[in-house]
């Protein structure tokens, strides 16, 4: 079967990583094509992606489209193709204009209802879609190549020495983005005696070490951290960054927003609803790193790429 995916976001983002793993799994038994629908310029992200996705879907000939939220919003016709909705998260607050966002959100939900199958990435979004009258076909969690996170202590020590992360605890404050909470976390922890570090694509400027690393080095950064912070102010689909930290046996303190709440609660981590409590929670996580890390790792290791691949192949087989 010919399967198409419309790529609408940078490959470093969690949703894009999920989609890449999904397409690799489906390629074992099907012909798969990723069609480019990312914006050309940094401004007006959604209108550009809507336009590119609409043009591509009218020209491409595929048997099954797998659509994320942006590609679902731009869906204009089903034609003879089957449609699979992949819902990472829904957030009508994203964007500059409230009434415009709400209109797009309504269109998105209506198009989800038109799809042949609907896949979500956490129980939280399964419940939310049920409340919107959408029947979910499958719950397929984020997954990981778990063995890649088994790093050597010597490599972690060398990483810390190379980057000057010596003498005090290292706190990874998440991706360097405003909506990920990095700026507020920095303000809360900047005078608490930590090495504060961040990574990924940045949309804010804070005076701490920021890393943009190959994936293996990024894993070492997480393993070198005494705690990871994930204080997103929007409803996360799952939080791959938090999950990756747990695979490194690094405890996580997070907002628990959206699907992240399921991850942190099931993994026995710390959910922080009030920024005033963040310094104490981080101190607790650092002090109890061993116990929290072992508990988190045991849960996080259950989400294997093998199981993920089987579940996605089943969705396509049943369509």
C-alpha atoms as a PDB file:
ATOM      1  CA  UNK A   1       0.000   0.000   0.000  1.00  0.00           C
ATOM      2  CA  UNK A   2       1.186   3.548  -0.735  1.00  0.00           C
ATOM      3  CA  UNK A   3       1.183   5.636   2.454  1.00  0.00           C
ATOM      4  CA  UNK A   4       1.750   9.383   2.556  1.00  0.00           C
ATOM      5  CA  UNK A   5       2.638  11.737   5.398  1.00  0.00           C
ATOM      6  CA  UNK A   6       2.655  15.529   5.251  1.00  0.00           C
ATOM      7  CA  UNK A   7       5.627  16.829   7.244  1.00  0.00           C
ATOM      8  CA  UNK A   8       4.689  20.198   8.736  1.00  0.00           C
ATOM      9  CA  UNK A   9       7.254  20.763  11.529  1.00  0.00           C
ATOM     10  CA  UNK A  10      11.005  20.765  12.078  1.00  0.00           C
ATOM     11  CA  UNK A  11      12.514  17.255  12.452  1.00  0.00           C
ATOM     12  CA  UNK A  12      13.815  18.119  15.942  1.00  0.00           C
ATOM     13  CA  UNK A  13      10.315  18.544  17.384  1.00  0.00           C
ATOM     14  CA  UNK A  14       8.805  15.643  19.310  1.00  0.00           C
ATOM     15  CA  UNK A  15       5.857  15.170  16.969  1.00  0.00           C
ATOM     16  CA  UNK A  16       8.171  14.986  13.961  1.00  0.00           C
ATOM     17  CA  UNK A  17      10.337  12.396  15.694  1.00  0.00           C
ATOM     18  CA  UNK A  18       7.252  10.289  16.396  1.00  0.00           C
ATOM     19  CA  UNK A  19       6.165  10.558  12.766  1.00  0.00           C
ATOM     20  CA  UNK A  20       9.611   9.634  11.479  1.00  0.00           C
ATOM     21  CA  UNK A  21       9.665   6.499  13.647  1.00  0.00           C
ATOM     22  CA  UNK A  22       6.138   5.657  12.475  1.00  0.00           C
ATOM     23  CA  UNK A  23       7.007   5.929   8.787  1.00  0.00           C
ATOM     24  CA  UNK A  24      10.143   3.815   9.251  1.00  0.00           C
ATOM     25  CA  UNK A  25       8.041   1.118  10.915  1.00  0.00           C
ATOM     26  CA  UNK A  26       5.411   1.155   8.163  1.00  0.00           C
ATOM     27  CA  UNK A  27       8.109   1.010   5.467  1.00  0.00           C
ATOM     28  CA  UNK A  28       8.786  -2.597   6.483  1.00  0.00           C
ATOM     29  CA  UNK A  29       5.586  -3.676   4.719  1.00  0.00           C
ATOM     30  CA  UNK A  30       4.411  -0.683   2.661  1.00  0.00           C
ATOM     31  CA  UNK A  31       5.619   1.994   0.284  1.00  0.00           C
ATOM     32  CA  UNK A  32       5.913   5.224   2.260  1.00  0.00           C
ATOM     33  CA  UNK A  33       6.501   8.805   1.165  1.00  0.00           C
ATOM     34  CA  UNK A  34       7.009  11.911   3.291  1.00  0.00           C
ATOM     35  CA  UNK A  35       5.783  15.029   1.504  1.00  0.00           C
ATOM     36  CA  UNK A  36       7.271  18.367   2.515  1.00  0.00           C
ATOM     37  CA  UNK A  37       4.752  20.877   3.868  1.00  0.00           C
ATOM     38  CA  UNK A  38       6.925  22.957   6.186  1.00  0.00           C
ATOM     39  CA  UNK A  39       6.687  26.760   5.905  1.00  0.00           C
ATOM     40  CA  UNK A  40       9.164  28.603   3.702  1.00  0.00           C
ATOM     41  CA  UNK A  41       9.808  31.454   6.150  1.00  0.00           C
ATOM     42  CA  UNK A  42       9.592  31.686   9.981  1.00  0.00           C
ATOM     43  CA  UNK A  43       6.489  33.887  10.017  1.00  0.00           C
ATOM     44  CA  UNK A  44       2.921  32.812   9.351  1.00  0.00           C
ATOM     45  CA  UNK A  45       3.727  29.172  10.083  1.00  0.00           C
ATOM     46  CA  UNK A  46       0.245  27.709   9.903  1.00  0.00           C
ATOM     47  CA  UNK A  47      -1.080  29.501   6.761  1.00  0.00           C
ATOM     48  CA  UNK A  48       2.038  28.431   4.843  1.00  0.00           C
ATOM     49  CA  UNK A  49       1.762  24.839   6.014  1.00  0.00           C
ATOM     50  CA  UNK A  50      -1.970  24.739   5.220  1.00  0.00           C
ATOM     51  CA  UNK A  51      -1.276  25.947   1.689  1.00  0.00           C
ATOM     52  CA  UNK A  52       1.592  23.546   1.034  1.00  0.00           C
ATOM     53  CA  UNK A  53      -0.344  20.596   2.452  1.00  0.00           C
ATOM     54  CA  UNK A  54      -3.450  21.370   0.368  1.00  0.00           C
ATOM     55  CA  UNK A  55      -1.400  21.609  -2.837  1.00  0.00           C
ATOM     56  CA  UNK A  56       0.489  18.392  -2.154  1.00  0.00           C
ATOM     57  CA  UNK A  57      -2.572  16.304  -1.320  1.00  0.00           C
ATOM     58  CA  UNK A  58      -4.292  17.266  -4.589  1.00  0.00           C
ATOM     59  CA  UNK A  59      -1.283  16.194  -6.657  1.00  0.00           C
ATOM     60  CA  UNK A  60      -0.083  13.095  -4.820  1.00  0.00           C
ATOM     61  CA  UNK A  61      -1.557   9.656  -5.381  1.00  0.00           C
ATOM     62  CA  UNK A  62      -1.541   7.629  -2.189  1.00  0.00           C
ATOM     63  CA  UNK A  63      -3.782   4.946  -0.754  1.00  0.00           C
ATOM     64  CA  UNK A  64      -3.581   6.194   2.832  1.00  0.00           C
ATOM     65  CA  UNK A  65      -2.843   9.645   4.214  1.00  0.00           C
ATOM     66  CA  UNK A  66      -1.604   9.888   7.790  1.00  0.00           C
ATOM     67  CA  UNK A  67      -2.312  13.424   8.980  1.00  0.00           C
ATOM     68  CA  UNK A  68      -1.153  15.378  12.001  1.00  0.00           C
ATOM     69  CA  UNK A  69      -3.141  18.347  13.298  1.00  0.00           C
ATOM     70  CA  UNK A  70      -1.941  20.858  10.692  1.00  0.00           C
ATOM     71  CA  UNK A  71      -2.497  18.479   7.794  1.00  0.00           C
ATOM     72  CA  UNK A  72      -5.945  17.639   9.168  1.00  0.00           C
ATOM     73  CA  UNK A  73      -6.943  21.284   9.355  1.00  0.00           C
ATOM     74  CA  UNK A  74      -5.992  21.804   5.702  1.00  0.00           C
ATOM     75  CA  UNK A  75      -7.803  18.652   4.495  1.00  0.00           C
ATOM     76  CA  UNK A  76     -10.225  19.701   1.757  1.00  0.00           C
ATOM     77  CA  UNK A  77     -11.136  16.434   0.083  1.00  0.00           C
ATOM     78  CA  UNK A  78     -10.861  12.752   0.829  1.00  0.00           C
ATOM     79  CA  UNK A  79     -10.844  11.571  -2.802  1.00  0.00           C
ATOM     80  CA  UNK A  80     -10.231   7.831  -3.006  1.00  0.00           C
ATOM     81  CA  UNK A  81      -7.644   7.750  -0.212  1.00  0.00           C
ATOM     82  CA  UNK A  82      -8.165   6.498   3.295  1.00  0.00           C
ATOM     83  CA  UNK A  83      -7.477   9.027   6.052  1.00  0.00           C
ATOM     84  CA  UNK A  84      -5.749   8.354   9.372  1.00  0.00           C
ATOM     85  CA  UNK A  85      -5.728  11.153  11.952  1.00  0.00           C
ATOM     86  CA  UNK A  86      -2.655  11.251  14.201  1.00  0.00           C
ATOM     87  CA  UNK A  87      -3.362  13.510  17.164  1.00  0.00           C
ATOM     88  CA  UNK A  88      -0.346  14.581  19.190  1.00  0.00           C
ATOM     89  CA  UNK A  89      -2.253  17.350  20.984  1.00  0.00           C
ATOM     90  CA  UNK A  90      -4.937  19.966  20.397  1.00  0.00           C
ATOM     91  CA  UNK A  91      -4.447  23.540  21.542  1.00  0.00           C
ATOM     92  CA  UNK A  92      -6.646  26.302  20.164  1.00  0.00           C
ATOM     93  CA  UNK A  93      -4.644  28.888  22.126  1.00  0.00           C
ATOM     94  CA  UNK A  94      -1.670  28.548  19.737  1.00  0.00           C
ATOM     95  CA  UNK A  95      -1.583  31.467  17.334  1.00  0.00           C
ATOM     96  CA  UNK A  96      -1.973  35.249  17.513  1.00  0.00           C
ATOM     97  CA  UNK A  97      -5.707  35.727  16.922  1.00  0.00           C
ATOM     98  CA  UNK A  98      -8.293  34.120  19.207  1.00  0.00           C
ATOM     99  CA  UNK A  99     -11.302  34.014  16.853  1.00  0.00           C
ATOM    100  CA  UNK A 100      -9.128  32.675  14.009  1.00  0.00           C
ATOM    101  CA  UNK A 101      -7.696  29.973  16.282  1.00  0.00           C
ATOM    102  CA  UNK A 102     -11.132  28.869  17.417  1.00  0.00           C
ATOM    103  CA  UNK A 103     -12.388  28.649  13.825  1.00  0.00           C
ATOM    104  CA  UNK A 104      -9.397  26.512  12.847  1.00  0.00           C
ATOM    105  CA  UNK A 105      -9.926  24.332  15.905  1.00  0.00           C
ATOM    106  CA  UNK A 106     -13.535  23.663  14.895  1.00  0.00           C
ATOM    107  CA  UNK A 107     -12.430  22.785  11.375  1.00  0.00           C
ATOM    108  CA  UNK A 108      -9.755  20.466  12.774  1.00  0.00           C
ATOM    109  CA  UNK A 109     -12.232  18.590  14.973  1.00  0.00           C
ATOM    110  CA  UNK A 110     -14.733  18.259  12.122  1.00  0.00           C
ATOM    111  CA  UNK A 111     -12.038  16.835   9.848  1.00  0.00           C
ATOM    112  CA  UNK A 112     -10.954  14.370  12.535  1.00  0.00           C
ATOM    113  CA  UNK A 113     -14.529  13.060  12.564  1.00  0.00           C
ATOM    114  CA  UNK A 114     -14.302  12.468   8.803  1.00  0.00           C
ATOM    115  CA  UNK A 115     -11.254  10.205   9.069  1.00  0.00           C
ATOM    116  CA  UNK A 116     -11.326   6.419   8.770  1.00  0.00           C
ATOM    117  CA  UNK A 117      -9.063   5.916  11.796  1.00  0.00           C
ATOM    118  CA  UNK A 118      -7.990   8.157  14.680  1.00  0.00           C
ATOM    119  CA  UNK A 119      -4.765   7.520  16.626  1.00  0.00           C
ATOM    120  CA  UNK A 120      -3.770   9.357  19.820  1.00  0.00           C
ATOM    121  CA  UNK A 121      -0.577   9.302  21.895  1.00  0.00           C
ATOM    122  CA  UNK A 122      -1.924   9.327  25.471  1.00  0.00           C
ATOM    123  CA  UNK A 123      -5.020   8.544  27.507  1.00  0.00           C
ATOM    124  CA  UNK A 124      -5.480  12.261  28.128  1.00  0.00           C
ATOM    125  CA  UNK A 125      -6.128  12.922  24.431  1.00  0.00           C
ATOM    126  CA  UNK A 126      -8.249   9.812  24.157  1.00  0.00           C
ATOM    127  CA  UNK A 127     -10.550  11.297  26.814  1.00  0.00           C
ATOM    128  CA  UNK A 128     -10.510  14.749  25.252  1.00  0.00           C
ATOM    129  CA  UNK A 129     -11.503  13.455  21.836  1.00  0.00           C
ATOM    130  CA  UNK A 130     -14.225  11.304  23.362  1.00  0.00           C
ATOM    131  CA  UNK A 131     -15.643  14.469  24.954  1.00  0.00           C
ATOM    132  CA  UNK A 132     -15.674  16.020  21.468  1.00  0.00           C
ATOM    133  CA  UNK A 133     -17.621  13.074  20.074  1.00  0.00           C
ATOM    134  CA  UNK A 134     -14.648  11.479  18.282  1.00  0.00           C
ATOM    135  CA  UNK A 135     -14.142   7.718  18.453  1.00  0.00           C
ATOM    136  CA  UNK A 136     -10.478   6.849  18.889  1.00  0.00           C
ATOM    137  CA  UNK A 137      -9.303   3.794  16.961  1.00  0.00           C
ATOM    138  CA  UNK A 138      -5.950   3.264  18.695  1.00  0.00           C
ATOM    139  CA  UNK A 139      -3.743   4.599  21.461  1.00  0.00           C
ATOM    140  CA  UNK A 140      -0.103   4.336  20.339  1.00  0.00           C
ATOM    141  CA  UNK A 141       2.369   5.902  22.727  1.00  0.00           C
ATOM    142  CA  UNK A 142       5.655   7.554  21.827  1.00  0.00           C
ATOM    143  CA  UNK A 143       8.412   4.949  21.616  1.00  0.00           C
ATOM    144  CA  UNK A 144      12.189   4.846  21.760  1.00  0.00           C
ATOM    145  CA  UNK A 145      15.242   2.773  20.894  1.00  0.00           C
ATOM    146  CA  UNK A 146      15.730   2.018  24.575  1.00  0.00           C
ATOM    147  CA  UNK A 147      19.223   0.538  24.228  1.00  0.00           C
ATOM    148  CA  UNK A 148      20.589   3.865  22.913  1.00  0.00           C
ATOM    149  CA  UNK A 149      20.190   5.348  26.394  1.00  0.00           C
ATOM    150  CA  UNK A 150      22.522   2.882  28.134  1.00  0.00           C
ATOM    151  CA  UNK A 151      25.477   5.278  28.328  1.00  0.00           C
ATOM    152  CA  UNK A 152      28.780   4.699  30.095  1.00  0.00           C
ATOM    153  CA  UNK A 153      29.597   6.563  33.310  1.00  0.00           C
ATOM    154  CA  UNK A 154      32.984   7.478  31.864  1.00  0.00           C
ATOM    155  CA  UNK A 155      31.340   9.110  28.842  1.00  0.00           C
ATOM    156  CA  UNK A 156      29.075  11.129  31.138  1.00  0.00           C
ATOM    157  CA  UNK A 157      32.052  12.294  33.218  1.00  0.00           C
ATOM    158  CA  UNK A 158      33.948  13.295  30.080  1.00  0.00           C
ATOM    159  CA  UNK A 159      30.923  15.217  28.781  1.00  0.00           C
ATOM    160  CA  UNK A 160      30.612  17.147  32.036  1.00  0.00           C
ATOM    161  CA  UNK A 161      34.334  17.950  32.113  1.00  0.00           C
ATOM    162  CA  UNK A 162      34.353  19.039  28.468  1.00  0.00           C
ATOM    163  CA  UNK A 163      31.498  21.488  28.997  1.00  0.00           C
ATOM    164  CA  UNK A 164      32.488  22.785  32.432  1.00  0.00           C
ATOM    165  CA  UNK A 165      29.582  21.156  34.269  1.00  0.00           C
ATOM    166  CA  UNK A 166      31.599  20.440  37.392  1.00  0.00           C
ATOM    167  CA  UNK A 167      31.255  21.405  41.053  1.00  0.00           C
ATOM    168  CA  UNK A 168      27.488  21.788  41.423  1.00  0.00           C
ATOM    169  CA  UNK A 169      24.329  19.967  40.287  1.00  0.00           C
ATOM    170  CA  UNK A 170      23.336  20.176  36.631  1.00  0.00           C
ATOM    171  CA  UNK A 171      19.700  21.043  35.925  1.00  0.00           C
ATOM    172  CA  UNK A 172      18.360  20.618  32.403  1.00  0.00           C
ATOM    173  CA  UNK A 173      15.494  23.103  32.021  1.00  0.00           C
ATOM    174  CA  UNK A 174      14.051  21.731  28.789  1.00  0.00           C
ATOM    175  CA  UNK A 175      13.968  23.135  25.278  1.00  0.00           C
ATOM    176  CA  UNK A 176      14.910  26.794  25.062  1.00  0.00           C
ATOM    177  CA  UNK A 177      11.417  28.038  24.255  1.00  0.00           C
ATOM    178  CA  UNK A 178       8.998  30.328  26.039  1.00  0.00           C
ATOM    179  CA  UNK A 179       5.991  27.991  25.903  1.00  0.00           C
ATOM    180  CA  UNK A 180       8.172  25.165  27.205  1.00  0.00           C
ATOM    181  CA  UNK A 181       8.635  27.262  30.349  1.00  0.00           C
ATOM    182  CA  UNK A 182      12.412  27.704  30.046  1.00  0.00           C
ATOM    183  CA  UNK A 183      12.425  31.422  30.804  1.00  0.00           C
ATOM    184  CA  UNK A 184      10.270  31.142  33.929  1.00  0.00           C
ATOM    185  CA  UNK A 185      12.250  28.121  35.152  1.00  0.00           C
ATOM    186  CA  UNK A 186      15.503  30.049  34.705  1.00  0.00           C
ATOM    187  CA  UNK A 187      14.141  32.912  36.809  1.00  0.00           C
ATOM    188  CA  UNK A 188      13.043  30.514  39.538  1.00  0.00           C
ATOM    189  CA  UNK A 189      16.370  28.638  39.719  1.00  0.00           C
ATOM    190  CA  UNK A 190      19.068  31.071  38.585  1.00  0.00           C
ATOM    191  CA  UNK A 191      20.273  31.868  42.122  1.00  0.00           C
ATOM    192  CA  UNK A 192      19.953  28.361  43.599  1.00  0.00           C
ATOM    193  CA  UNK A 193      23.501  27.140  42.976  1.00  0.00           C
ATOM    194  CA  UNK A 194      22.994  25.000  39.855  1.00  0.00           C
ATOM    195  CA  UNK A 195      24.486  24.667  36.414  1.00  0.00           C
ATOM    196  CA  UNK A 196      21.391  25.473  34.335  1.00  0.00           C
ATOM    197  CA  UNK A 197      21.450  24.107  30.783  1.00  0.00           C
ATOM    198  CA  UNK A 198      19.030  23.991  27.875  1.00  0.00           C
ATOM    199  CA  UNK A 199      18.964  22.655  24.323  1.00  0.00           C
ATOM    200  CA  UNK A 200      17.138  22.565  21.019  1.00  0.00           C
ATOM    201  CA  UNK A 201      15.694  25.249  18.773  1.00  0.00           C
ATOM    202  CA  UNK A 202      15.430  28.545  20.635  1.00  0.00           C
ATOM    203  CA  UNK A 203      12.868  31.343  20.589  1.00  0.00           C
ATOM    204  CA  UNK A 204      14.130  33.116  23.741  1.00  0.00           C
ATOM    205  CA  UNK A 205      17.465  34.419  24.981  1.00  0.00           C
ATOM    206  CA  UNK A 206      18.545  33.478  28.504  1.00  0.00           C
ATOM    207  CA  UNK A 207      22.133  33.645  29.840  1.00  0.00           C
ATOM    208  CA  UNK A 208      22.848  29.943  30.343  1.00  0.00           C
ATOM    209  CA  UNK A 209      24.560  27.200  28.353  1.00  0.00           C
ATOM    210  CA  UNK A 210      22.462  26.246  25.360  1.00  0.00           C
ATOM    211  CA  UNK A 211      23.255  23.094  23.418  1.00  0.00           C
ATOM    212  CA  UNK A 212      22.347  22.020  19.899  1.00  0.00           C
ATOM    213  CA  UNK A 213      23.806  18.532  19.778  1.00  0.00           C
ATOM    214  CA  UNK A 214      23.758  15.331  17.739  1.00  0.00           C
ATOM    215  CA  UNK A 215      21.349  12.877  19.332  1.00  0.00           C
ATOM    216  CA  UNK A 216      23.993  10.732  21.046  1.00  0.00           C
ATOM    217  CA  UNK A 217      25.496  13.841  22.647  1.00  0.00           C
ATOM    218  CA  UNK A 218      22.033  15.068  23.637  1.00  0.00           C
ATOM    219  CA  UNK A 219      21.539  11.777  25.492  1.00  0.00           C
ATOM    220  CA  UNK A 220      24.796  12.424  27.359  1.00  0.00           C
ATOM    221  CA  UNK A 221      23.512  15.885  28.305  1.00  0.00           C
ATOM    222  CA  UNK A 222      20.399  14.339  29.846  1.00  0.00           C
ATOM    223  CA  UNK A 223      22.422  11.642  31.596  1.00  0.00           C
ATOM    224  CA  UNK A 224      24.787  14.305  32.976  1.00  0.00           C
ATOM    225  CA  UNK A 225      21.864  16.230  34.480  1.00  0.00           C
ATOM    226  CA  UNK A 226      20.830  15.724  38.103  1.00  0.00           C
ATOM    227  CA  UNK A 227      17.236  16.609  37.211  1.00  0.00           C
ATOM    228  CA  UNK A 228      15.241  17.618  34.131  1.00  0.00           C
ATOM    229  CA  UNK A 229      12.513  20.270  34.197  1.00  0.00           C
ATOM    230  CA  UNK A 230       9.520  20.307  31.832  1.00  0.00           C
ATOM    231  CA  UNK A 231       7.262  23.218  32.756  1.00  0.00           C
ATOM    232  CA  UNK A 232       5.301  23.612  29.514  1.00  0.00           C
ATOM    233  CA  UNK A 233       2.378  26.017  29.745  1.00  0.00           C
ATOM    234  CA  UNK A 234       0.389  24.258  27.006  1.00  0.00           C
ATOM    235  CA  UNK A 235      -1.147  20.790  26.892  1.00  0.00           C
ATOM    236  CA  UNK A 236       1.612  18.456  25.771  1.00  0.00           C
ATOM    237  CA  UNK A 237       0.914  15.403  23.685  1.00  0.00           C
ATOM    238  CA  UNK A 238       3.258  13.305  25.833  1.00  0.00           C
ATOM    239  CA  UNK A 239       6.666  15.027  26.341  1.00  0.00           C
ATOM    240  CA  UNK A 240       9.407  13.121  24.580  1.00  0.00           C
ATOM    241  CA  UNK A 241      12.061  15.186  26.345  1.00  0.00           C
ATOM    242  CA  UNK A 242      10.794  14.053  29.749  1.00  0.00           C
ATOM    243  CA  UNK A 243      10.636  10.466  28.580  1.00  0.00           C
ATOM    244  CA  UNK A 244      14.199  10.650  27.243  1.00  0.00           C
ATOM    245  CA  UNK A 245      15.403  12.019  30.569  1.00  0.00           C
ATOM    246  CA  UNK A 246      13.763   9.115  32.380  1.00  0.00           C
ATOM    247  CA  UNK A 247      15.478   6.657  30.058  1.00  0.00           C
ATOM    248  CA  UNK A 248      18.739   8.238  31.246  1.00  0.00           C
ATOM    249  CA  UNK A 249      17.663   7.626  34.880  1.00  0.00           C
ATOM    250  CA  UNK A 250      17.373  11.386  35.356  1.00  0.00           C
ATOM    251  CA  UNK A 251      14.377  12.446  37.501  1.00  0.00           C
ATOM    252  CA  UNK A 252      11.830  14.856  36.044  1.00  0.00           C
ATOM    253  CA  UNK A 253       9.892  17.749  37.552  1.00  0.00           C
ATOM    254  CA  UNK A 254       7.158  18.868  35.186  1.00  0.00           C
ATOM    255  CA  UNK A 255       3.916  20.787  34.856  1.00  0.00           C
ATOM    256  CA  UNK A 256       2.028  17.608  33.963  1.00  0.00           C
ATOM    257  CA  UNK A 257       0.120  19.523  31.283  1.00  0.00           C
ATOM    258  CA  UNK A 258      -1.796  17.339  28.820  1.00  0.00           C
ATOM    259  CA  UNK A 259      -0.436  13.860  28.222  1.00  0.00           C
ATOM    260  CA  UNK A 260       2.678  14.659  30.246  1.00  0.00           C
ATOM    261  CA  UNK A 261       0.648  14.120  33.410  1.00  0.00           C
ATOM    262  CA  UNK A 262       0.147  10.448  32.580  1.00  0.00           C
ATOM    263  CA  UNK A 263       3.870   9.997  31.933  1.00  0.00           C
ATOM    264  CA  UNK A 264       5.024  11.669  35.148  1.00  0.00           C
ATOM    265  CA  UNK A 265       2.417  10.085  37.406  1.00  0.00           C
ATOM    266  CA  UNK A 266       2.913   6.570  36.072  1.00  0.00           C
ATOM    267  CA  UNK A 267       6.701   6.987  36.266  1.00  0.00           C
ATOM    268  CA  UNK A 268       6.549   8.202  39.881  1.00  0.00           C
ATOM    269  CA  UNK A 269       7.979  11.648  39.135  1.00  0.00           C
ATOM    270  CA  UNK A 270       7.169  15.132  40.476  1.00  0.00           C
ATOM    271  CA  UNK A 271       4.288  17.222  39.120  1.00  0.00           C
ATOM    272  CA  UNK A 272       4.586  20.949  39.860  1.00  0.00           C
ATOM    273  CA  UNK A 273       1.412  23.010  39.492  1.00  0.00           C
ATOM    274  CA  UNK A 274       2.798  26.148  41.156  1.00  0.00           C
ATOM    275  CA  UNK A 275       6.100  27.778  40.153  1.00  0.00           C
ATOM    276  CA  UNK A 276       6.574  28.905  43.756  1.00  0.00           C
ATOM    277  CA  UNK A 277       7.064  25.232  44.669  1.00  0.00           C
ATOM    278  CA  UNK A 278       9.558  24.536  41.887  1.00  0.00           C
ATOM    279  CA  UNK A 279      12.824  25.221  43.807  1.00  0.00           C
ATOM    280  CA  UNK A 280      11.842  22.834  46.612  1.00  0.00           C
ATOM    281  CA  UNK A 281      10.769  20.151  44.158  1.00  0.00           C
ATOM    282  CA  UNK A 282      14.011  20.442  42.213  1.00  0.00           C
ATOM    283  CA  UNK A 283      16.001  20.194  45.429  1.00  0.00           C
ATOM    284  CA  UNK A 284      14.061  17.045  46.339  1.00  0.00           C
ATOM    285  CA  UNK A 285      14.660  15.538  42.879  1.00  0.00           C
ATOM    286  CA  UNK A 286      18.408  16.195  43.080  1.00  0.00           C
ATOM    287  CA  UNK A 287      18.649  14.754  46.604  1.00  0.00           C
ATOM    288  CA  UNK A 288      16.656  11.653  45.623  1.00  0.00           C
ATOM    289  CA  UNK A 289      18.058  11.262  42.118  1.00  0.00           C
ATOM    290  CA  UNK A 290      18.865   7.563  42.506  1.00  0.00           C
ATOM    291  CA  UNK A 291      15.436   6.436  43.676  1.00  0.00           C
ATOM    292  CA  UNK A 292      13.460   8.666  41.313  1.00  0.00           C
ATOM    293  CA  UNK A 293      15.752   7.788  38.415  1.00  0.00           C
ATOM    294  CA  UNK A 294      15.382   4.037  38.887  1.00  0.00           C
ATOM    295  CA  UNK A 295      11.608   4.321  39.216  1.00  0.00           C
ATOM    296  CA  UNK A 296      11.306   6.489  36.124  1.00  0.00           C
ATOM    297  CA  UNK A 297      13.618   4.306  34.062  1.00  0.00           C
ATOM    298  CA  UNK A 298      11.632   1.158  34.857  1.00  0.00           C
ATOM    299  CA  UNK A 299       8.455   2.741  33.467  1.00  0.00           C
ATOM    300  CA  UNK A 300      10.043   4.577  30.529  1.00  0.00           C
ATOM    301  CA  UNK A 301      11.757   1.407  29.280  1.00  0.00           C
ATOM    302  CA  UNK A 302       8.400  -0.227  28.549  1.00  0.00           C
ATOM    303  CA  UNK A 303       7.843   1.962  25.467  1.00  0.00           C
ATOM    304  CA  UNK A 304       9.829   0.042  22.870  1.00  0.00           C
ATOM    305  CA  UNK A 305      10.161   0.708  19.159  1.00  0.00           C
ATOM    306  CA  UNK A 306       9.252  -2.914  18.403  1.00  0.00           C
ATOM    307  CA  UNK A 307       5.835  -2.676  20.062  1.00  0.00           C
ATOM    308  CA  UNK A 308       5.266   0.735  18.468  1.00  0.00           C
ATOM    309  CA  UNK A 309       5.923  -0.675  14.990  1.00  0.00           C
ATOM    310  CA  UNK A 310       3.560  -3.606  15.468  1.00  0.00           C
ATOM    311  CA  UNK A 311       0.766  -1.294  16.611  1.00  0.00           C
ATOM    312  CA  UNK A 312       1.087   0.989  13.597  1.00  0.00           C
ATOM    313  CA  UNK A 313       1.205  -1.907  11.149  1.00  0.00           C
ATOM    314  CA  UNK A 314      -2.007  -3.180  12.763  1.00  0.00           C
ATOM    315  CA  UNK A 315      -3.746   0.178  12.234  1.00  0.00           C
ATOM    316  CA  UNK A 316      -2.943   0.129   8.519  1.00  0.00           C
ATOM    317  CA  UNK A 317      -3.878  -3.552   8.162  1.00  0.00           C
ATOM    318  CA  UNK A 318      -7.294  -2.907   9.718  1.00  0.00           C
ATOM    319  CA  UNK A 319      -8.191   0.131   7.634  1.00  0.00           C
END
